[in-house]
Amino acid sequence: MLNRIESNDLFTPEQVLENRGRVAIFIDGSNLFYAALQLGIEIDYTKLLCRLTAGSRLLRSFFYTGVDRTNEKQQGFLLWMRRNGYRVISKDLVQLPDGSKKANLDVEIAVDMMALVGSYDTAVLVSGDGDLAYAVDAVSYRGVRVEVVSLRSMTSDSLINVADRYIDLEMIKDDIQKTSRPNYAYREWGMGNGEWGMGNGEWGMGNGEWGMGNGEWGMGDGEWVIGKG
């Protein structure tokens, strides 16, 4: 006869986090961007890195995104990312027949997850793309624990089913969003014609500029402000 399992015999969330070992983070920039739009928040990437690492040992944090290499304003943001804890993996945007621009980096994410197996114990995948389910399943069979972080309405069931843990972005949005300021209007990587940026595919706010003021990234009314260094 099987003994009843007492509640104190089960692992608590804290105990699970203690067993994460070395963590590698893989962020689908486009997926995160659209999730932030749905939530109506602006991501603080310093807070995001801290929240996803959760005190564990970080191997590396990858940020995958499509870019327009002639756009100096966009390059400025990615430079900040590189200097603040992220390894940026980029691919040139390709213009589609409908006029929008897109860059698919699913292959790059999958290859990096597989190539680094043995160097990390837990993968944190920030994406809801079901195309990554096979890669997640593959690394799981090689001993990696996988956590998927994404907005539930934008996350494929096939991806959740092969993950060891699923975290809904809505549940942690207060931990990763920038602090609002008076008269602050949400503007993050605004969209123009399906591109990353404002107006004519520019990364920026207001007049489409990534201006500098008192050592801050942004333009006055709290747009992409990183602080005073």
C-alpha atoms as a PDB file:
ATOM      1  CA  MET A   1       0.000   0.000   0.000  1.00  0.00           C
ATOM      2  CA  LEU A   2       1.407   3.357  -0.998  1.00  0.00           C
ATOM      3  CA  ASN A   3       2.026   5.877   1.696  1.00  0.00           C
ATOM      4  CA  ARG A   4       0.161   9.151   1.430  1.00  0.00           C
ATOM      5  CA  ILE A   5       2.371  11.960   0.122  1.00  0.00           C
ATOM      6  CA  GLU A   6       2.464  14.726   2.659  1.00  0.00           C
ATOM      7  CA  SER A   7       2.469  18.337   1.474  1.00  0.00           C
ATOM      8  CA  ASN A   8       5.788  18.999   3.178  1.00  0.00           C
ATOM      9  CA  ASP A   9       7.382  16.294   1.027  1.00  0.00           C
ATOM     10  CA  LEU A  10       6.796  18.294  -2.165  1.00  0.00           C
ATOM     11  CA  PHE A  11       9.261  20.743  -3.634  1.00  0.00           C
ATOM     12  CA  THR A  12       8.469  24.393  -2.994  1.00  0.00           C
ATOM     13  CA  PRO A  13       9.030  27.028  -5.715  1.00  0.00           C
ATOM     14  CA  GLU A  14      12.033  28.264  -3.741  1.00  0.00           C
ATOM     15  CA  GLN A  15      13.578  24.786  -3.710  1.00  0.00           C
ATOM     16  CA  VAL A  16      13.031  24.457  -7.438  1.00  0.00           C
ATOM     17  CA  LEU A  17      14.894  27.725  -8.044  1.00  0.00           C
ATOM     18  CA  GLU A  18      17.738  26.575  -5.810  1.00  0.00           C
ATOM     19  CA  ASN A  19      18.254  23.597  -8.122  1.00  0.00           C
ATOM     20  CA  ARG A  20      18.490  25.614 -11.335  1.00  0.00           C
ATOM     21  CA  GLY A  21      22.282  25.404 -11.490  1.00  0.00           C
ATOM     22  CA  ARG A  22      23.852  27.537 -14.195  1.00  0.00           C
ATOM     23  CA  VAL A  23      21.294  29.466 -16.258  1.00  0.00           C
ATOM     24  CA  ALA A  24      21.346  30.475 -19.937  1.00  0.00           C
ATOM     25  CA  ILE A  25      18.729  32.969 -21.154  1.00  0.00           C
ATOM     26  CA  PHE A  26      17.432  33.095 -24.727  1.00  0.00           C
ATOM     27  CA  ILE A  27      15.198  36.093 -25.564  1.00  0.00           C
ATOM     28  CA  ASP A  28      13.167  36.365 -28.751  1.00  0.00           C
ATOM     29  CA  GLY A  29      13.207  40.172 -29.056  1.00  0.00           C
ATOM     30  CA  SER A  30      10.288  40.403 -31.465  1.00  0.00           C
ATOM     31  CA  ASN A  31       8.071  38.119 -29.373  1.00  0.00           C
ATOM     32  CA  LEU A  32       8.877  40.074 -26.215  1.00  0.00           C
ATOM     33  CA  PHE A  33       8.175  43.372 -27.985  1.00  0.00           C
ATOM     34  CA  TYR A  34       4.681  42.335 -29.020  1.00  0.00           C
ATOM     35  CA  ALA A  35       3.989  40.877 -25.574  1.00  0.00           C
ATOM     36  CA  ALA A  36       4.952  44.202 -23.977  1.00  0.00           C
ATOM     37  CA  LEU A  37       2.591  45.987 -26.351  1.00  0.00           C
ATOM     38  CA  GLN A  38      -0.231  43.672 -25.317  1.00  0.00           C
ATOM     39  CA  LEU A  39       0.507  44.305 -21.632  1.00  0.00           C
ATOM     40  CA  GLY A  40       0.861  48.056 -22.147  1.00  0.00           C
ATOM     41  CA  ILE A  41       4.232  48.205 -20.422  1.00  0.00           C
ATOM     42  CA  GLU A  42       7.770  49.275 -21.247  1.00  0.00           C
ATOM     43  CA  ILE A  43      10.407  46.684 -20.447  1.00  0.00           C
ATOM     44  CA  ASP A  44      13.257  47.573 -18.117  1.00  0.00           C
ATOM     45  CA  TYR A  45      15.966  45.257 -19.425  1.00  0.00           C
ATOM     46  CA  THR A  46      18.074  45.506 -16.288  1.00  0.00           C
ATOM     47  CA  LYS A  47      15.113  44.386 -14.174  1.00  0.00           C
ATOM     48  CA  LEU A  48      14.275  41.685 -16.714  1.00  0.00           C
ATOM     49  CA  LEU A  49      17.753  40.180 -16.496  1.00  0.00           C
ATOM     50  CA  CYS A  50      17.625  40.158 -12.697  1.00  0.00           C
ATOM     51  CA  ARG A  51      14.144  38.616 -12.655  1.00  0.00           C
ATOM     52  CA  LEU A  52      14.992  35.845 -15.104  1.00  0.00           C
ATOM     53  CA  THR A  53      18.277  35.024 -13.384  1.00  0.00           C
ATOM     54  CA  ALA A  54      16.585  35.047  -9.965  1.00  0.00           C
ATOM     55  CA  GLY A  55      19.859  34.803  -8.082  1.00  0.00           C
ATOM     56  CA  SER A  56      21.150  31.808 -10.049  1.00  0.00           C
ATOM     57  CA  ARG A  57      24.526  31.680 -11.771  1.00  0.00           C
ATOM     58  CA  LEU A  58      24.197  33.190 -15.219  1.00  0.00           C
ATOM     59  CA  LEU A  59      26.133  31.679 -18.091  1.00  0.00           C
ATOM     60  CA  ARG A  60      24.977  34.180 -20.704  1.00  0.00           C
ATOM     61  CA  SER A  61      21.883  36.080 -21.776  1.00  0.00           C
ATOM     62  CA  PHE A  62      21.168  36.151 -25.525  1.00  0.00           C
ATOM     63  CA  PHE A  63      18.930  38.733 -27.180  1.00  0.00           C
ATOM     64  CA  TYR A  64      17.815  37.899 -30.731  1.00  0.00           C
ATOM     65  CA  THR A  65      16.477  40.648 -32.968  1.00  0.00           C
ATOM     66  CA  GLY A  66      16.102  41.845 -36.533  1.00  0.00           C
ATOM     67  CA  VAL A  67      17.958  45.047 -37.374  1.00  0.00           C
ATOM     68  CA  ASP A  68      18.302  47.758 -39.967  1.00  0.00           C
ATOM     69  CA  ARG A  69      22.068  48.242 -39.981  1.00  0.00           C
ATOM     70  CA  THR A  70      21.773  51.720 -41.485  1.00  0.00           C
ATOM     71  CA  ASN A  71      19.684  52.878 -38.527  1.00  0.00           C
ATOM     72  CA  GLU A  72      22.144  54.435 -36.079  1.00  0.00           C
ATOM     73  CA  LYS A  73      19.437  54.991 -33.472  1.00  0.00           C
ATOM     74  CA  GLN A  74      18.593  51.314 -33.353  1.00  0.00           C
ATOM     75  CA  GLN A  75      22.281  50.453 -33.165  1.00  0.00           C
ATOM     76  CA  GLY A  76      22.560  52.761 -30.147  1.00  0.00           C
ATOM     77  CA  PHE A  77      20.002  50.740 -28.232  1.00  0.00           C
ATOM     78  CA  LEU A  78      21.671  47.456 -29.128  1.00  0.00           C
ATOM     79  CA  LEU A  79      25.035  48.879 -28.030  1.00  0.00           C
ATOM     80  CA  TRP A  80      23.501  49.628 -24.640  1.00  0.00           C
ATOM     81  CA  MET A  81      22.219  46.053 -24.474  1.00  0.00           C
ATOM     82  CA  ARG A  82      25.665  44.644 -25.244  1.00  0.00           C
ATOM     83  CA  ARG A  83      27.223  46.730 -22.508  1.00  0.00           C
ATOM     84  CA  ASN A  84      24.628  45.807 -19.926  1.00  0.00           C
ATOM     85  CA  GLY A  85      24.656  42.043 -19.733  1.00  0.00           C
ATOM     86  CA  TYR A  86      23.256  40.876 -23.077  1.00  0.00           C
ATOM     87  CA  ARG A  87      24.841  39.065 -26.020  1.00  0.00           C
ATOM     88  CA  VAL A  88      22.989  40.503 -29.031  1.00  0.00           C
ATOM     89  CA  ILE A  89      22.389  38.170 -31.986  1.00  0.00           C
ATOM     90  CA  SER A  90      21.038  40.081 -34.961  1.00  0.00           C
ATOM     91  CA  LYS A  91      19.857  39.454 -38.495  1.00  0.00           C
ATOM     92  CA  ASP A  92      19.023  41.950 -41.212  1.00  0.00           C
ATOM     93  CA  LEU A  93      15.343  42.736 -41.633  1.00  0.00           C
ATOM     94  CA  VAL A  94      13.831  41.469 -44.868  1.00  0.00           C
ATOM     95  CA  GLN A  95      11.057  43.423 -46.551  1.00  0.00           C
ATOM     96  CA  LEU A  96       7.951  41.359 -47.262  1.00  0.00           C
ATOM     97  CA  PRO A  97       5.557  41.820 -50.206  1.00  0.00           C
ATOM     98  CA  ASP A  98       3.075  43.678 -47.987  1.00  0.00           C
ATOM     99  CA  GLY A  99       5.721  46.288 -47.170  1.00  0.00           C
ATOM    100  CA  SER A 100       6.433  45.121 -43.630  1.00  0.00           C
ATOM    101  CA  LYS A 101       9.867  43.996 -42.483  1.00  0.00           C
ATOM    102  CA  LYS A 102      10.713  40.856 -40.580  1.00  0.00           C
ATOM    103  CA  ALA A 103      13.645  38.752 -39.456  1.00  0.00           C
ATOM    104  CA  ASN A 104      13.105  35.194 -38.218  1.00  0.00           C
ATOM    105  CA  LEU A 105      15.740  34.059 -35.723  1.00  0.00           C
ATOM    106  CA  ASP A 106      14.199  30.738 -34.639  1.00  0.00           C
ATOM    107  CA  VAL A 107      17.071  28.791 -36.180  1.00  0.00           C
ATOM    108  CA  GLU A 108      19.680  30.883 -34.354  1.00  0.00           C
ATOM    109  CA  ILE A 109      17.906  30.381 -31.028  1.00  0.00           C
ATOM    110  CA  ALA A 110      17.589  26.627 -31.550  1.00  0.00           C
ATOM    111  CA  VAL A 111      21.214  26.212 -32.641  1.00  0.00           C
ATOM    112  CA  ASP A 112      22.562  28.163 -29.665  1.00  0.00           C
ATOM    113  CA  MET A 113      20.420  26.210 -27.211  1.00  0.00           C
ATOM    114  CA  MET A 114      21.776  22.951 -28.616  1.00  0.00           C
ATOM    115  CA  ALA A 115      25.394  24.074 -29.016  1.00  0.00           C
ATOM    116  CA  LEU A 116      25.703  25.168 -25.389  1.00  0.00           C
ATOM    117  CA  VAL A 117      24.217  22.002 -23.855  1.00  0.00           C
ATOM    118  CA  GLY A 118      26.670  20.873 -21.196  1.00  0.00           C
ATOM    119  CA  SER A 119      27.597  24.450 -20.305  1.00  0.00           C
ATOM    120  CA  TYR A 120      24.294  25.251 -18.582  1.00  0.00           C
ATOM    121  CA  ASP A 121      21.703  23.421 -16.500  1.00  0.00           C
ATOM    122  CA  THR A 122      18.589  25.548 -17.015  1.00  0.00           C
ATOM    123  CA  ALA A 123      17.464  27.338 -20.162  1.00  0.00           C
ATOM    124  CA  VAL A 124      15.122  30.317 -19.820  1.00  0.00           C
ATOM    125  CA  LEU A 125      13.391  30.838 -23.155  1.00  0.00           C
ATOM    126  CA  VAL A 126      11.529  34.122 -23.537  1.00  0.00           C
ATOM    127  CA  SER A 127       9.296  33.297 -26.471  1.00  0.00           C
ATOM    128  CA  GLY A 128       5.916  31.795 -27.216  1.00  0.00           C
ATOM    129  CA  ASP A 129       6.832  30.522 -30.678  1.00  0.00           C
ATOM    130  CA  GLY A 130       5.729  26.929 -31.185  1.00  0.00           C
ATOM    131  CA  ASP A 131       8.426  26.452 -33.815  1.00  0.00           C
ATOM    132  CA  LEU A 132      10.909  26.229 -30.925  1.00  0.00           C
ATOM    133  CA  ALA A 133       9.108  23.305 -29.266  1.00  0.00           C
ATOM    134  CA  TYR A 134      11.255  20.683 -31.018  1.00  0.00           C
ATOM    135  CA  ALA A 135      14.493  22.369 -29.899  1.00  0.00           C
ATOM    136  CA  VAL A 136      13.192  22.637 -26.329  1.00  0.00           C
ATOM    137  CA  ASP A 137      12.282  18.954 -26.347  1.00  0.00           C
ATOM    138  CA  ALA A 138      15.699  18.057 -27.746  1.00  0.00           C
ATOM    139  CA  VAL A 139      17.700  19.899 -25.072  1.00  0.00           C
ATOM    140  CA  SER A 140      15.417  18.440 -22.399  1.00  0.00           C
ATOM    141  CA  TYR A 141      16.426  14.924 -23.454  1.00  0.00           C
ATOM    142  CA  ARG A 142      20.046  15.990 -23.027  1.00  0.00           C
ATOM    143  CA  GLY A 143      19.508  16.878 -19.388  1.00  0.00           C
ATOM    144  CA  VAL A 144      18.580  20.549 -19.564  1.00  0.00           C
ATOM    145  CA  ARG A 145      15.691  21.973 -17.578  1.00  0.00           C
ATOM    146  CA  VAL A 146      13.699  24.485 -19.652  1.00  0.00           C
ATOM    147  CA  GLU A 147      11.617  27.401 -18.415  1.00  0.00           C
ATOM    148  CA  VAL A 148       9.397  29.210 -20.930  1.00  0.00           C
ATOM    149  CA  VAL A 149       8.475  32.839 -20.265  1.00  0.00           C
ATOM    150  CA  SER A 150       5.872  34.525 -22.453  1.00  0.00           C
ATOM    151  CA  LEU A 151       2.413  36.049 -22.523  1.00  0.00           C
ATOM    152  CA  ARG A 152      -0.125  33.210 -22.335  1.00  0.00           C
ATOM    153  CA  SER A 153      -2.280  34.508 -25.191  1.00  0.00           C
ATOM    154  CA  MET A 154       0.804  34.522 -27.432  1.00  0.00           C
ATOM    155  CA  THR A 155       2.259  31.192 -26.345  1.00  0.00           C
ATOM    156  CA  SER A 156       1.858  27.932 -28.250  1.00  0.00           C
ATOM    157  CA  ASP A 157       0.492  24.999 -26.251  1.00  0.00           C
ATOM    158  CA  SER A 158       3.088  22.777 -27.909  1.00  0.00           C
ATOM    159  CA  LEU A 159       5.846  24.894 -26.347  1.00  0.00           C
ATOM    160  CA  ILE A 160       4.297  24.860 -22.885  1.00  0.00           C
ATOM    161  CA  ASN A 161       3.812  21.091 -23.066  1.00  0.00           C
ATOM    162  CA  VAL A 162       7.533  20.378 -23.507  1.00  0.00           C
ATOM    163  CA  ALA A 163       8.722  22.936 -20.947  1.00  0.00           C
ATOM    164  CA  ASP A 164       9.534  22.045 -17.351  1.00  0.00           C
ATOM    165  CA  ARG A 165       8.111  25.327 -16.117  1.00  0.00           C
ATOM    166  CA  TYR A 166       5.951  28.031 -17.664  1.00  0.00           C
ATOM    167  CA  ILE A 167       5.842  31.651 -16.471  1.00  0.00           C
ATOM    168  CA  ASP A 168       3.193  34.051 -17.767  1.00  0.00           C
ATOM    169  CA  LEU A 169       4.679  37.507 -18.400  1.00  0.00           C
ATOM    170  CA  GLU A 170       1.503  39.048 -17.016  1.00  0.00           C
ATOM    171  CA  MET A 171       2.303  37.523 -13.644  1.00  0.00           C
ATOM    172  CA  ILE A 172       5.731  39.186 -13.468  1.00  0.00           C
ATOM    173  CA  LYS A 173       5.081  42.429 -15.357  1.00  0.00           C
ATOM    174  CA  ASP A 174       5.386  44.532 -12.203  1.00  0.00           C
ATOM    175  CA  ASP A 175       8.899  43.151 -11.699  1.00  0.00           C
ATOM    176  CA  ILE A 176      10.156  43.932 -15.208  1.00  0.00           C
ATOM    177  CA  GLN A 177       8.494  47.165 -16.278  1.00  0.00           C
ATOM    178  CA  LYS A 178       9.979  50.617 -16.096  1.00  0.00           C
ATOM    179  CA  THR A 179       8.698  52.884 -13.372  1.00  0.00           C
ATOM    180  CA  SER A 180       6.114  55.278 -14.764  1.00  0.00           C
ATOM    181  CA  ARG A 181       6.409  59.009 -14.332  1.00  0.00           C
ATOM    182  CA  PRO A 182       3.772  61.763 -14.367  1.00  0.00           C
ATOM    183  CA  ASN A 183       2.224  62.353 -17.798  1.00  0.00           C
ATOM    184  CA  TYR A 184       4.092  59.301 -19.075  1.00  0.00           C
ATOM    185  CA  ALA A 185       2.704  57.823 -22.259  1.00  0.00           C
ATOM    186  CA  TYR A 186       3.689  54.262 -23.156  1.00  0.00           C
ATOM    187  CA  ARG A 187       6.004  54.233 -26.151  1.00  0.00           C
ATOM    188  CA  GLU A 188       8.358  51.338 -26.727  1.00  0.00           C
ATOM    189  CA  TRP A 189       9.920  50.586 -30.053  1.00  0.00           C
ATOM    190  CA  GLY A 190       6.805  52.010 -31.702  1.00  0.00           C
ATOM    191  CA  MET A 191       5.603  50.430 -34.883  1.00  0.00           C
ATOM    192  CA  GLY A 192       5.443  52.004 -38.314  1.00  0.00           C
ATOM    193  CA  ASN A 193       4.443  49.889 -41.288  1.00  0.00           C
ATOM    194  CA  GLY A 194       5.199  46.738 -39.329  1.00  0.00           C
ATOM    195  CA  GLU A 195       8.777  47.817 -38.582  1.00  0.00           C
ATOM    196  CA  TRP A 196      10.663  48.273 -35.338  1.00  0.00           C
ATOM    197  CA  GLY A 197      10.569  51.973 -34.674  1.00  0.00           C
ATOM    198  CA  MET A 198       8.527  55.105 -35.012  1.00  0.00           C
ATOM    199  CA  GLY A 199       7.211  56.541 -38.259  1.00  0.00           C
ATOM    200  CA  ASN A 200       9.474  55.429 -41.060  1.00  0.00           C
ATOM    201  CA  GLY A 201      10.896  52.423 -39.276  1.00  0.00           C
ATOM    202  CA  GLU A 202      12.987  54.504 -36.862  1.00  0.00           C
ATOM    203  CA  TRP A 203      13.907  53.405 -33.365  1.00  0.00           C
ATOM    204  CA  GLY A 204      13.037  56.383 -31.254  1.00  0.00           C
ATOM    205  CA  MET A 205      10.388  58.647 -29.843  1.00  0.00           C
ATOM    206  CA  GLY A 206       8.824  61.971 -30.720  1.00  0.00           C
ATOM    207  CA  ASN A 207      10.951  63.146 -33.588  1.00  0.00           C
ATOM    208  CA  GLY A 208      12.399  59.690 -34.128  1.00  0.00           C
ATOM    209  CA  GLU A 209      15.657  60.480 -32.355  1.00  0.00           C
ATOM    210  CA  TRP A 210      17.493  58.546 -29.664  1.00  0.00           C
ATOM    211  CA  GLY A 211      18.557  61.787 -27.971  1.00  0.00           C
ATOM    212  CA  MET A 212      20.813  62.185 -24.973  1.00  0.00           C
ATOM    213  CA  GLY A 213      19.866  64.306 -21.978  1.00  0.00           C
ATOM    214  CA  ASN A 214      21.884  64.403 -18.747  1.00  0.00           C
ATOM    215  CA  GLY A 215      23.430  61.068 -19.563  1.00  0.00           C
ATOM    216  CA  GLU A 216      20.046  59.438 -20.159  1.00  0.00           C
ATOM    217  CA  TRP A 217      18.799  57.525 -23.134  1.00  0.00           C
ATOM    218  CA  GLY A 218      15.544  59.140 -24.062  1.00  0.00           C
ATOM    219  CA  MET A 219      13.885  62.396 -24.980  1.00  0.00           C
ATOM    220  CA  GLY A 220      12.372  64.266 -22.114  1.00  0.00           C
ATOM    221  CA  ASP A 221       9.120  62.638 -21.127  1.00  0.00           C
ATOM    222  CA  GLY A 222      10.536  59.402 -19.770  1.00  0.00           C
ATOM    223  CA  GLU A 223      11.103  57.526 -23.010  1.00  0.00           C
ATOM    224  CA  TRP A 224      13.655  54.727 -22.794  1.00  0.00           C
ATOM    225  CA  VAL A 225      15.297  56.358 -19.798  1.00  0.00           C
ATOM    226  CA  ILE A 226      18.100  54.227 -18.390  1.00  0.00           C
ATOM    227  CA  GLY A 227      19.065  56.556 -15.600  1.00  0.00           C
ATOM    228  CA  LYS A 228      22.007  58.912 -15.213  1.00  0.00           C
ATOM    229  CA  GLY A 229      24.664  56.247 -15.417  1.00  0.00           C
END
